[in-house]
PDB file of N, CA and C in Angstrom:
ATOM      1  N   MET A   1     -16.240  29.044  32.279  1.00  0.00           N
ATOM      2  CA  MET A   1     -15.420  27.983  32.642  1.00  0.00           C
ATOM      3  C   MET A   1     -13.919  27.637  32.138  1.00  0.00           C
ATOM      4  N   SER A   2     -13.095  26.941  33.077  1.00  0.00           N
ATOM      5  CA  SER A   2     -11.784  27.013  32.685  1.00  0.00           C
ATOM      6  C   SER A   2     -11.145  26.300  31.401  1.00  0.00           C
ATOM      7  N   GLU A   3      -9.783  26.682  31.245  1.00  0.00           N
ATOM      8  CA  GLU A   3      -9.885  25.777  30.218  1.00  0.00           C
ATOM      9  C   GLU A   3      -9.452  23.896  29.999  1.00  0.00           C
ATOM     10  N   ASP A   4      -8.830  23.868  31.521  1.00  0.00           N
ATOM     11  CA  ASP A   4      -9.300  22.576  31.848  1.00  0.00           C
ATOM     12  C   ASP A   4     -10.427  21.691  31.747  1.00  0.00           C
ATOM     13  N   LYS A   5     -11.275  22.367  32.509  1.00  0.00           N
ATOM     14  CA  LYS A   5     -12.800  21.870  32.004  1.00  0.00           C
ATOM     15  C   LYS A   5     -13.552  21.835  30.845  1.00  0.00           C
ATOM     16  N   ALA A   6     -12.990  22.445  29.383  1.00  0.00           N
ATOM     17  CA  ALA A   6     -13.521  22.488  28.900  1.00  0.00           C
ATOM     18  C   ALA A   6     -12.563  21.752  28.044  1.00  0.00           C
ATOM     19  N   LYS A   7     -11.196  21.239  28.378  1.00  0.00           N
ATOM     20  CA  LYS A   7     -10.924  19.999  27.684  1.00  0.00           C
ATOM     21  C   LYS A   7     -11.476  19.163  27.970  1.00  0.00           C
ATOM     22  N   ARG A   8     -11.839  18.325  29.479  1.00  0.00           N
ATOM     23  CA  ARG A   8     -12.720  17.802  30.098  1.00  0.00           C
ATOM     24  C   ARG A   8     -13.598  16.969  28.769  1.00  0.00           C
ATOM     25  N   LEU A   9     -14.434  18.345  29.078  1.00  0.00           N
ATOM     26  CA  LEU A   9     -15.932  18.340  28.112  1.00  0.00           C
ATOM     27  C   LEU A   9     -15.709  17.855  26.188  1.00  0.00           C
ATOM     28  N   ASN A  10     -14.612  18.431  25.968  1.00  0.00           N
ATOM     29  CA  ASN A  10     -14.089  18.258  24.470  1.00  0.00           C
ATOM     30  C   ASN A  10     -13.862  16.593  24.454  1.00  0.00           C
ATOM     31  N   LEU A  11     -13.540  15.853  25.519  1.00  0.00           N
ATOM     32  CA  LEU A  11     -13.311  14.600  25.570  1.00  0.00           C
ATOM     33  C   LEU A  11     -14.384  14.044  25.528  1.00  0.00           C
ATOM     34  N   MET A  12     -15.137  14.112  26.958  1.00  0.00           N
ATOM     35  CA  MET A  12     -16.290  13.659  27.114  1.00  0.00           C
ATOM     36  C   MET A  12     -16.904  13.434  26.056  1.00  0.00           C
ATOM     37  N   ARG A  13     -16.962  14.366  24.644  1.00  0.00           N
ATOM     38  CA  ARG A  13     -17.853  14.699  23.726  1.00  0.00           C
ATOM     39  C   ARG A  13     -17.808  13.980  22.833  1.00  0.00           C
ATOM     40  N   PHE A  14     -16.051  13.479  22.629  1.00  0.00           N
ATOM     41  CA  PHE A  14     -15.518  12.455  21.448  1.00  0.00           C
ATOM     42  C   PHE A  14     -15.612  11.175  22.131  1.00  0.00           C
ATOM     43  N   TRP A  15     -15.565  10.954  23.103  1.00  0.00           N
ATOM     44  CA  TRP A  15     -15.932   9.684  23.392  1.00  0.00           C
ATOM     45  C   TRP A  15     -17.610   8.977  22.965  1.00  0.00           C
ATOM     46  N   LEU A  16     -18.059  10.028  23.811  1.00  0.00           N
ATOM     47  CA  LEU A  16     -19.718   9.597  23.783  1.00  0.00           C
ATOM     48  C   LEU A  16     -20.298   9.635  22.203  1.00  0.00           C
ATOM     49  N   PHE A  17     -20.020  10.513  21.502  1.00  0.00           N
ATOM     50  CA  PHE A  17     -19.864  10.389  19.838  1.00  0.00           C
ATOM     51  C   PHE A  17     -19.412   9.183  19.377  1.00  0.00           C
ATOM     52  N   GLY A  18     -18.093   8.738  19.519  1.00  0.00           N
ATOM     53  CA  GLY A  18     -17.362   7.337  19.334  1.00  0.00           C
ATOM     54  C   GLY A  18     -17.967   6.140  19.776  1.00  0.00           C
ATOM     55  N   THR A  19     -18.391   6.121  20.974  1.00  0.00           N
ATOM     56  CA  THR A  19     -19.340   5.149  21.538  1.00  0.00           C
ATOM     57  C   THR A  19     -20.580   4.800  20.641  1.00  0.00           C
ATOM     58  N   PHE A  20     -21.337   5.761  20.069  1.00  0.00           N
ATOM     59  CA  PHE A  20     -22.104   5.762  19.803  1.00  0.00           C
ATOM     60  C   PHE A  20     -21.979   5.281  18.349  1.00  0.00           C
ATOM     61  N   VAL A  21     -20.954   5.842  17.818  1.00  0.00           N
ATOM     62  CA  VAL A  21     -20.311   5.165  16.044  1.00  0.00           C
ATOM     63  C   VAL A  21     -20.303   3.723  15.746  1.00  0.00           C
ATOM     64  N   ILE A  22     -19.405   3.372  17.227  1.00  0.00           N
ATOM     65  CA  ILE A  22     -19.037   1.730  17.700  1.00  0.00           C
ATOM     66  C   ILE A  22     -20.605   1.061  17.229  1.00  0.00           C
ATOM     67  N   LEU A  23     -21.401   1.819  18.443  1.00  0.00           N
ATOM     68  CA  LEU A  23     -22.701   1.026  18.286  1.00  0.00           C
ATOM     69  C   LEU A  23     -23.646   0.455  17.628  1.00  0.00           C
ATOM     70  N   TRP A  24     -23.430   1.667  16.770  1.00  0.00           N
ATOM     71  CA  TRP A  24     -24.295   1.995  15.755  1.00  0.00           C
ATOM     72  C   TRP A  24     -23.909   0.873  14.762  1.00  0.00           C
ATOM     73  N   ALA A  25     -22.457   1.046  14.078  1.00  0.00           N
ATOM     74  CA  ALA A  25     -21.823  -0.307  13.520  1.00  0.00           C
ATOM     75  C   ALA A  25     -22.084  -1.399  13.679  1.00  0.00           C
ATOM     76  N   ILE A  26     -21.936  -1.823  15.082  1.00  0.00           N
ATOM     77  CA  ILE A  26     -22.057  -3.279  15.267  1.00  0.00           C
ATOM     78  C   ILE A  26     -23.401  -3.970  15.172  1.00  0.00           C
ATOM     79  N   SER A  27     -24.438  -2.357  15.781  1.00  0.00           N
ATOM     80  CA  SER A  27     -25.492  -3.312  15.946  1.00  0.00           C
ATOM     81  C   SER A  27     -26.118  -3.176  14.355  1.00  0.00           C
ATOM     82  N   LEU A  28     -26.076  -2.609  13.456  1.00  0.00           N
ATOM     83  CA  LEU A  28     -26.283  -2.395  11.780  1.00  0.00           C
ATOM     84  C   LEU A  28     -25.839  -3.823  11.348  1.00  0.00           C
ATOM     85  N   THR A  29     -24.257  -3.984  11.699  1.00  0.00           N
ATOM     86  CA  THR A  29     -23.706  -4.970  10.990  1.00  0.00           C
ATOM     87  C   THR A  29     -24.262  -6.349  11.462  1.00  0.00           C
ATOM     88  N   TYR A  30     -24.561  -6.639  12.748  1.00  0.00           N
ATOM     89  CA  TYR A  30     -24.989  -7.667  13.161  1.00  0.00           C
ATOM     90  C   TYR A  30     -26.690  -7.948  12.883  1.00  0.00           C
ATOM     91  N   MET A  31     -27.368  -7.065  13.260  1.00  0.00           N
ATOM     92  CA  MET A  31     -28.960  -6.939  12.167  1.00  0.00           C
ATOM     93  C   MET A  31     -28.817  -7.430  11.012  1.00  0.00           C
ATOM     94  N   PHE A  32     -27.510  -6.882  10.008  1.00  0.00           N
ATOM     95  CA  PHE A  32     -28.081  -7.505   8.512  1.00  0.00           C
ATOM     96  C   PHE A  32     -27.740  -8.517   8.419  1.00  0.00           C
ATOM     97  N   ILE A  33     -26.629  -8.883   9.548  1.00  0.00           N
ATOM     98  CA  ILE A  33     -26.230 -10.539   9.318  1.00  0.00           C
ATOM     99  C   ILE A  33     -27.521 -11.596   9.635  1.00  0.00           C
ATOM    100  N   TYR A  34     -28.255 -11.194  10.780  1.00  0.00           N
ATOM    101  CA  TYR A  34     -28.568 -11.796  11.442  1.00  0.00           C
ATOM    102  C   TYR A  34     -30.351 -11.929  10.170  1.00  0.00           C
ATOM    103  N   LEU A  35     -30.794 -10.523   9.852  1.00  0.00           N
ATOM    104  CA  LEU A  35     -32.368 -10.510   9.295  1.00  0.00           C
ATOM    105  C   LEU A  35     -32.196 -10.482   7.223  1.00  0.00           C
ATOM    106  N   ALA A  36     -30.817 -10.496   6.913  1.00  0.00           N
ATOM    107  CA  ALA A  36     -30.547 -10.110   5.522  1.00  0.00           C
ATOM    108  C   ALA A  36     -30.950 -11.344   4.566  1.00  0.00           C
ATOM    109  N   PRO A  37     -30.717 -12.464   5.422  1.00  0.00           N
ATOM    110  CA  PRO A  37     -31.050 -13.627   4.057  1.00  0.00           C
ATOM    111  C   PRO A  37     -32.472 -13.821   4.337  1.00  0.00           C
ATOM    112  N   ILE A  38     -33.058 -13.229   5.271  1.00  0.00           N
ATOM    113  CA  ILE A  38     -34.620 -13.579   5.217  1.00  0.00           C
ATOM    114  C   ILE A  38     -35.234 -12.171   4.880  1.00  0.00           C
ATOM    115  N   SER A  39     -34.719 -11.346   4.977  1.00  0.00           N
ATOM    116  CA  SER A  39     -35.624  -9.666   4.500  1.00  0.00           C
ATOM    117  C   SER A  39     -34.717  -8.608   3.805  1.00  0.00           C
ATOM    118  N   ASP A  40     -35.229  -7.487   3.503  1.00  0.00           N
ATOM    119  CA  ASP A  40     -34.656  -6.577   3.003  1.00  0.00           C
ATOM    120  C   ASP A  40     -34.076  -5.261   4.229  1.00  0.00           C
ATOM    121  N   VAL A  41     -33.300  -4.512   3.507  1.00  0.00           N
ATOM    122  CA  VAL A  41     -32.617  -3.382   4.465  1.00  0.00           C
ATOM    123  C   VAL A  41     -33.394  -2.541   5.142  1.00  0.00           C
ATOM    124  N   ALA A  42     -34.906  -2.345   4.566  1.00  0.00           N
ATOM    125  CA  ALA A  42     -35.762  -1.622   5.410  1.00  0.00           C
ATOM    126  C   ALA A  42     -36.054  -2.323   6.531  1.00  0.00           C
ATOM    127  N   THR A  43     -36.503  -3.316   6.275  1.00  0.00           N
ATOM    128  CA  THR A  43     -36.828  -4.269   8.044  1.00  0.00           C
ATOM    129  C   THR A  43     -35.494  -4.108   9.086  1.00  0.00           C
ATOM    130  N   VAL A  44     -34.308  -4.302   8.423  1.00  0.00           N
ATOM    131  CA  VAL A  44     -32.753  -3.872   9.025  1.00  0.00           C
ATOM    132  C   VAL A  44     -33.187  -2.824  10.112  1.00  0.00           C
ATOM    133  N   LEU A  45     -33.480  -1.822   9.165  1.00  0.00           N
ATOM    134  CA  LEU A  45     -33.154  -0.505   9.933  1.00  0.00           C
ATOM    135  C   LEU A  45     -34.338  -0.116  10.794  1.00  0.00           C
ATOM    136  N   ARG A  46     -35.539  -1.007  10.499  1.00  0.00           N
ATOM    137  CA  ARG A  46     -36.872  -0.854  11.476  1.00  0.00           C
ATOM    138  C   ARG A  46     -36.374  -1.315  12.700  1.00  0.00           C
ATOM    139  N   THR A  47     -36.061  -2.466  12.554  1.00  0.00           N
ATOM    140  CA  THR A  47     -35.445  -3.406  13.389  1.00  0.00           C
ATOM    141  C   THR A  47     -34.682  -2.682  14.552  1.00  0.00           C
ATOM    142  N   VAL A  48     -33.352  -1.639  14.243  1.00  0.00           N
ATOM    143  CA  VAL A  48     -31.785  -1.214  14.759  1.00  0.00           C
ATOM    144  C   VAL A  48     -32.368   0.069  15.387  1.00  0.00           C
ATOM    145  N   TRP A  49     -33.120   0.882  14.497  1.00  0.00           N
ATOM    146  CA  TRP A  49     -33.548   2.645  15.110  1.00  0.00           C
ATOM    147  C   TRP A  49     -33.848   2.384  16.569  1.00  0.00           C
ATOM    148  N   PRO A  50     -34.584   1.544  17.310  1.00  0.00           N
ATOM    149  CA  PRO A  50     -34.666   1.954  18.858  1.00  0.00           C
ATOM    150  C   PRO A  50     -33.757   1.839  19.354  1.00  0.00           C
ATOM    151  N   VAL A  51     -32.944   0.963  19.237  1.00  0.00           N
ATOM    152  CA  VAL A  51     -31.111   1.279  19.717  1.00  0.00           C
ATOM    153  C   VAL A  51     -30.321   2.155  19.513  1.00  0.00           C
ATOM    154  N   TRP A  52     -30.473   2.795  18.611  1.00  0.00           N
ATOM    155  CA  TRP A  52     -29.806   4.502  18.205  1.00  0.00           C
ATOM    156  C   TRP A  52     -30.135   5.158  18.819  1.00  0.00           C
ATOM    157  N   VAL A  53     -32.100   5.005  19.223  1.00  0.00           N
ATOM    158  CA  VAL A  53     -32.650   6.332  19.859  1.00  0.00           C
ATOM    159  C   VAL A  53     -31.776   6.103  21.345  1.00  0.00           C
ATOM    160  N   VAL A  54     -32.491   5.024  21.742  1.00  0.00           N
ATOM    161  CA  VAL A  54     -32.006   4.837  22.962  1.00  0.00           C
ATOM    162  C   VAL A  54     -30.497   5.444  23.304  1.00  0.00           C
ATOM    163  N   ALA A  55     -29.574   4.697  22.814  1.00  0.00           N
ATOM    164  CA  ALA A  55     -28.111   5.207  22.532  1.00  0.00           C
ATOM    165  C   ALA A  55     -27.881   6.487  22.370  1.00  0.00           C
ATOM    166  N   ALA A  56     -28.218   7.312  21.486  1.00  0.00           N
ATOM    167  CA  ALA A  56     -28.460   8.900  21.257  1.00  0.00           C
ATOM    168  C   ALA A  56     -28.936   9.559  22.428  1.00  0.00           C
ATOM    169  N   VAL A  57     -29.968   9.008  23.047  1.00  0.00           N
ATOM    170  CA  VAL A  57     -30.476   9.969  23.858  1.00  0.00           C
ATOM    171  C   VAL A  57     -29.720   9.769  25.360  1.00  0.00           C
ATOM    172  N   GLY A  58     -29.522   8.634  25.499  1.00  0.00           N
ATOM    173  CA  GLY A  58     -28.701   8.563  26.694  1.00  0.00           C
ATOM    174  C   GLY A  58     -27.231   8.790  26.343  1.00  0.00           C
ATOM    175  N   ALA A  59     -26.335   9.322  25.647  1.00  0.00           N
ATOM    176  CA  ALA A  59     -25.308   9.909  25.408  1.00  0.00           C
ATOM    177  C   ALA A  59     -25.664  11.878  25.742  1.00  0.00           C
ATOM    178  N   ILE A  60     -26.453  11.995  25.035  1.00  0.00           N
ATOM    179  CA  ILE A  60     -26.836  13.155  25.325  1.00  0.00           C
ATOM    180  C   ILE A  60     -27.106  13.525  26.743  1.00  0.00           C
ATOM    181  N   VAL A  61     -28.077  13.121  27.283  1.00  0.00           N
ATOM    182  CA  VAL A  61     -27.998  12.643  28.619  1.00  0.00           C
ATOM    183  C   VAL A  61     -27.076  13.053  29.839  1.00  0.00           C
ATOM    184  N   LEU A  62     -26.220  11.923  29.317  1.00  0.00           N
ATOM    185  CA  LEU A  62     -24.838  11.984  29.924  1.00  0.00           C
ATOM    186  C   LEU A  62     -23.767  13.004  29.303  1.00  0.00           C
ATOM    187  N   TYR A  63     -23.916  13.319  28.747  1.00  0.00           N
ATOM    188  CA  TYR A  63     -23.192  14.463  27.921  1.00  0.00           C
ATOM    189  C   TYR A  63     -23.919  15.999  28.915  1.00  0.00           C
ATOM    190  N   LEU A  64     -25.221  16.604  28.610  1.00  0.00           N
ATOM    191  CA  LEU A  64     -25.880  17.268  29.415  1.00  0.00           C
ATOM    192  C   LEU A  64     -25.571  17.185  31.004  1.00  0.00           C
ATOM    193  N   GLY A  65     -25.521  16.258  31.779  1.00  0.00           N
ATOM    194  CA  GLY A  65     -25.163  15.987  32.870  1.00  0.00           C
ATOM    195  C   GLY A  65     -23.981  16.116  32.945  1.00  0.00           C
ATOM    196  N   TYR A  66     -22.817  16.124  32.731  1.00  0.00           N
ATOM    197  CA  TYR A  66     -21.228  15.645  32.942  1.00  0.00           C
ATOM    198  C   TYR A  66     -20.906  17.404  32.526  1.00  0.00           C
ATOM    199  N   LYS A  67     -21.416  18.268  31.537  1.00  0.00           N
ATOM    200  CA  LYS A  67     -21.689  19.645  31.435  1.00  0.00           C
ATOM    201  C   LYS A  67     -22.199  20.210  32.353  1.00  0.00           C
ATOM    202  N   TRP A  68     -22.936  20.241  32.868  1.00  0.00           N
ATOM    203  CA  TRP A  68     -23.687  20.421  34.231  1.00  0.00           C
ATOM    204  C   TRP A  68     -22.943  20.162  35.524  1.00  0.00           C
ATOM    205  N   TRP A  69     -22.312  18.650  35.729  1.00  0.00           N
ATOM    206  CA  TRP A  69     -21.469  18.908  37.134  1.00  0.00           C
ATOM    207  C   TRP A  69     -20.506  19.670  36.852  1.00  0.00           C
ATOM    208  N   LEU A  70     -19.552  19.493  35.847  1.00  0.00           N
ATOM    209  CA  LEU A  70     -18.427  20.330  35.143  1.00  0.00           C
ATOM    210  C   LEU A  70     -18.488  21.781  35.526  1.00  0.00           C
ATOM    211  N   GLY A  71     -20.128  22.418  35.613  1.00  0.00           N
ATOM    212  CA  GLY A  71     -19.960  24.148  35.424  1.00  0.00           C
ATOM    213  C   GLY A  71     -20.505  24.452  36.540  1.00  0.00           C
ATOM    214  N   ARG A  72     -21.080  23.275  37.881  1.00  0.00           N
ATOM    215  CA  ARG A  72     -21.129  23.691  39.185  1.00  0.00           C
ATOM    216  C   ARG A  72     -19.909  24.952  39.886  1.00  0.00           C
ATOM    217  N   SER A  73     -20.566  25.957  40.579  1.00  0.00           N
ATOM    218  CA  SER A  73     -19.358  26.949  40.971  1.00  0.00           C
ATOM    219  C   SER A  73     -18.813  26.076  42.078  1.00  0.00           C
ATOM    220  N   GLU A  74     -17.754  26.980  42.665  1.00  0.00           N
ATOM    221  CA  GLU A  74     -17.114  26.034  43.829  1.00  0.00           C
ATOM    222  C   GLU A  74     -17.599  26.694  45.404  1.00  0.00           C
ATOM    223  N   ASP A  75     -18.959  27.109  44.978  1.00  0.00           N
ATOM    224  CA  ASP A  75     -19.586  28.179  46.250  1.00  0.00           C
ATOM    225  C   ASP A  75     -20.358  27.361  46.675  1.00  0.00           C
ATOM    226  N   ASP A  76     -21.301  26.293  45.324  1.00  0.00           N
ATOM    227  CA  ASP A  76     -22.371  25.479  45.667  1.00  0.00           C
ATOM    228  C   ASP A  76     -21.873  24.496  46.133  1.00  0.00           C
ATOM    229  N   THR A  77     -20.946  23.975  46.513  1.00  0.00           N
ATOM    230  CA  THR A  77     -20.554  22.941  47.071  1.00  0.00           C
ATOM    231  C   THR A  77     -19.518  22.779  48.751  1.00  0.00           C
ATOM    232  N   PRO A  78     -20.685  22.564  49.421  1.00  0.00           N
ATOM    233  CA  PRO A  78     -19.912  22.852  50.458  1.00  0.00           C
ATOM    234  C   PRO A  78     -18.910  22.337  51.098  1.00  0.00           C
ATOM    235  N   ALA A  79     -17.941  22.624  51.510  1.00  0.00           N
ATOM    236  CA  ALA A  79     -16.530  22.354  52.058  1.00  0.00           C
ATOM    237  C   ALA A  79     -16.689  21.078  53.199  1.00  0.00           C
ATOM    238  N   PRO A  80     -15.995  20.207  53.340  1.00  0.00           N
ATOM    239  CA  PRO A  80     -16.449  19.138  54.303  1.00  0.00           C
ATOM    240  C   PRO A  80     -15.670  19.521  55.617  1.00  0.00           C
ATOM    241  N   ALA A  81     -16.281  19.433  56.709  1.00  0.00           N
ATOM    242  CA  ALA A  81     -15.758  20.559  57.960  1.00  0.00           C
ATOM    243  C   ALA A  81     -14.776  19.011  58.701  1.00  0.00           C
ATOM    244  N   MET A  82     -13.475  20.009  58.618  1.00  0.00           N
ATOM    245  CA  MET A  82     -12.559  19.504  59.228  1.00  0.00           C
ATOM    246  C   MET A  82     -12.034  19.802  60.753  1.00  0.00           C
ATOM    247  N   PRO A  83     -12.155  19.002  61.077  1.00  0.00           N
ATOM    248  CA  PRO A  83     -11.696  19.018  62.874  1.00  0.00           C
ATOM    249  C   PRO A  83     -10.447  19.916  63.332  1.00  0.00           C
ATOM    250  N   GLU A  84     -10.737  20.720  63.844  1.00  0.00           N
ATOM    251  CA  GLU A  84      -9.837  21.944  64.617  1.00  0.00           C
ATOM    252  C   GLU A  84      -8.921  20.832  65.376  1.00  0.00           C
ATOM    253  N   SER A  85      -7.292  20.581  65.288  1.00  0.00           N
ATOM    254  CA  SER A  85      -7.199  20.168  66.423  1.00  0.00           C
ATOM    255  C   SER A  85      -5.531  20.850  66.408  1.00  0.00           C
ATOM    256  N   GLY A  86      -4.831  20.699  67.260  1.00  0.00           N
ATOM    257  CA  GLY A  86      -4.058  20.917  68.058  1.00  0.00           C
ATOM    258  C   GLY A  86      -2.388  20.769  67.558  1.00  0.00           C
ATOM    259  N   SER A  87      -1.493  20.984  67.571  1.00  0.00           N
ATOM    260  CA  SER A  87      -0.494  20.070  67.233  1.00  0.00           C
ATOM    261  C   SER A  87      -0.417  19.112  68.269  1.00  0.00           C
ATOM    262  N   PRO A  88       0.394  17.703  67.959  1.00  0.00           N
ATOM    263  CA  PRO A  88       0.669  16.570  68.435  1.00  0.00           C
ATOM    264  C   PRO A  88       1.853  17.241  69.813  1.00  0.00           C
ATOM    265  N   PRO A  89       1.825  16.789  71.074  1.00  0.00           N
ATOM    266  CA  PRO A  89       2.797  17.045  72.155  1.00  0.00           C
ATOM    267  C   PRO A  89       4.142  16.951  71.744  1.00  0.00           C
ATOM    268  N   LEU A  90       5.142  17.586  71.903  1.00  0.00           N
ATOM    269  CA  LEU A  90       6.347  17.274  72.069  1.00  0.00           C
ATOM    270  C   LEU A  90       7.075  15.884  72.456  1.00  0.00           C
ATOM    271  N   PRO A  91       7.308  14.879  72.137  1.00  0.00           N
ATOM    272  CA  PRO A  91       8.169  13.951  72.902  1.00  0.00           C
ATOM    273  C   PRO A  91       8.533  14.027  73.818  1.00  0.00           C
ATOM    274  N   GLU A  92       8.578  13.275  75.532  1.00  0.00           N
ATOM    275  CA  GLU A  92       9.570  13.679  76.291  1.00  0.00           C
ATOM    276  C   GLU A  92      11.353  13.233  75.919  1.00  0.00           C
ATOM    277  N   PRO A  93      12.423  14.092  76.001  1.00  0.00           N
ATOM    278  CA  PRO A  93      13.499  13.661  75.591  1.00  0.00           C
ATOM    279  C   PRO A  93      13.668  12.757  76.273  1.00  0.00           C
ATOM    280  N   PRO A  94      14.855  11.912  75.912  1.00  0.00           N
ATOM    281  CA  PRO A  94      15.382  10.348  76.505  1.00  0.00           C
ATOM    282  C   PRO A  94      16.238  10.725  77.203  1.00  0.00           C
ATOM    283  N   SER A  95      16.188   9.885  78.376  1.00  0.00           N
ATOM    284  CA  SER A  95      17.192   9.524  79.523  1.00  0.00           C
ATOM    285  C   SER A  95      18.353   8.755  79.106  1.00  0.00           C
ATOM    286  N   TYR A  96      19.205   9.048  79.163  1.00  0.00           N
ATOM    287  CA  TYR A  96      20.601   7.866  79.385  1.00  0.00           C
ATOM    288  C   TYR A  96      21.544   7.514  80.421  1.00  0.00           C
ATOM    289  N   SER A  97      20.655   7.862  81.724  1.00  0.00           N
ATOM    290  CA  SER A  97      21.363   7.090  82.745  1.00  0.00           C
ATOM    291  C   SER A  97      20.653   6.417  83.488  1.00  0.00           C
ATOM    292  N   GLN A  98      21.528   5.548  83.815  1.00  0.00           N
ATOM    293  CA  GLN A  98      20.990   4.391  84.454  1.00  0.00           C
ATOM    294  C   GLN A  98      20.138   4.741  85.564  1.00  0.00           C
ATOM    295  N   PRO A  99      19.228   3.833  86.512  1.00  0.00           N
ATOM    296  CA  PRO A  99      18.956   4.431  87.682  1.00  0.00           C
ATOM    297  C   PRO A  99      19.289   5.059  88.814  1.00  0.00           C
ATOM    298  N   GLY A 100      20.295   3.572  88.614  1.00  0.00           N
ATOM    299  CA  GLY A 100      21.393   3.651  90.204  1.00  0.00           C
ATOM    300  C   GLY A 100      22.386   4.769  89.899  1.00  0.00           C
ATOM    301  N   GLU A 101      22.176   5.627  88.923  1.00  0.00           N
ATOM    302  CA  GLU A 101      24.040   6.319  88.364  1.00  0.00           C
ATOM    303  C   GLU A 101      23.241   7.552  89.292  1.00  0.00           C
ATOM    304  N   GLY A 102      24.135   8.440  89.377  1.00  0.00           N
ATOM    305  CA  GLY A 102      23.956   9.859  89.781  1.00  0.00           C
ATOM    306  C   GLY A 102      22.308  10.633  90.071  1.00  0.00           C
ATOM    307  N   GLY A 103      21.903  11.784  89.863  1.00  0.00           N
ATOM    308  CA  GLY A 103      21.036  12.546  89.631  1.00  0.00           C
ATOM    309  C   GLY A 103      20.355  12.410  91.316  1.00  0.00           C
ATOM    310  N   SER A 104      19.535  12.707  91.793  1.00  0.00           N
ATOM    311  CA  SER A 104      18.820  13.006  93.118  1.00  0.00           C
ATOM    312  C   SER A 104      18.608  11.920  93.890  1.00  0.00           C
ATOM    313  N   GLY A 105      19.245  10.930  93.690  1.00  0.00           N
ATOM    314  CA  GLY A 105      19.216   9.455  94.505  1.00  0.00           C
ATOM    315  C   GLY A 105      20.508   9.928  96.030  1.00  0.00           C
ATOM    316  N   GLY A 106      19.883   9.341  96.704  1.00  0.00           N
ATOM    317  CA  GLY A 106      19.907   9.715  98.361  1.00  0.00           C
ATOM    318  C   GLY A 106      20.942   8.991  98.743  1.00  0.00           C
TER     319      GLY A 106
END
């Protein structure tokens, strides 16, 4: 894998992890505020863990999919067929003489 692709993969890993941490903090805070007056911390964690599992699995799938997509070789992807065409015809040079002037008129 080239250095550019490795940098892209590291950036993707950084943002996926950061997104997971933000989602973890927001969900835990929201559920704690919502459930804390009527329950304990264990109930809050039991309520929120499915969200964390789904987010973690989604982040892992996205990471592995992106890693696979970056790792494809250039030979695997067919190049789009470009129609062959010649160069465009040259324009005719302009004629600066009036129709009644000179030329082959008789």
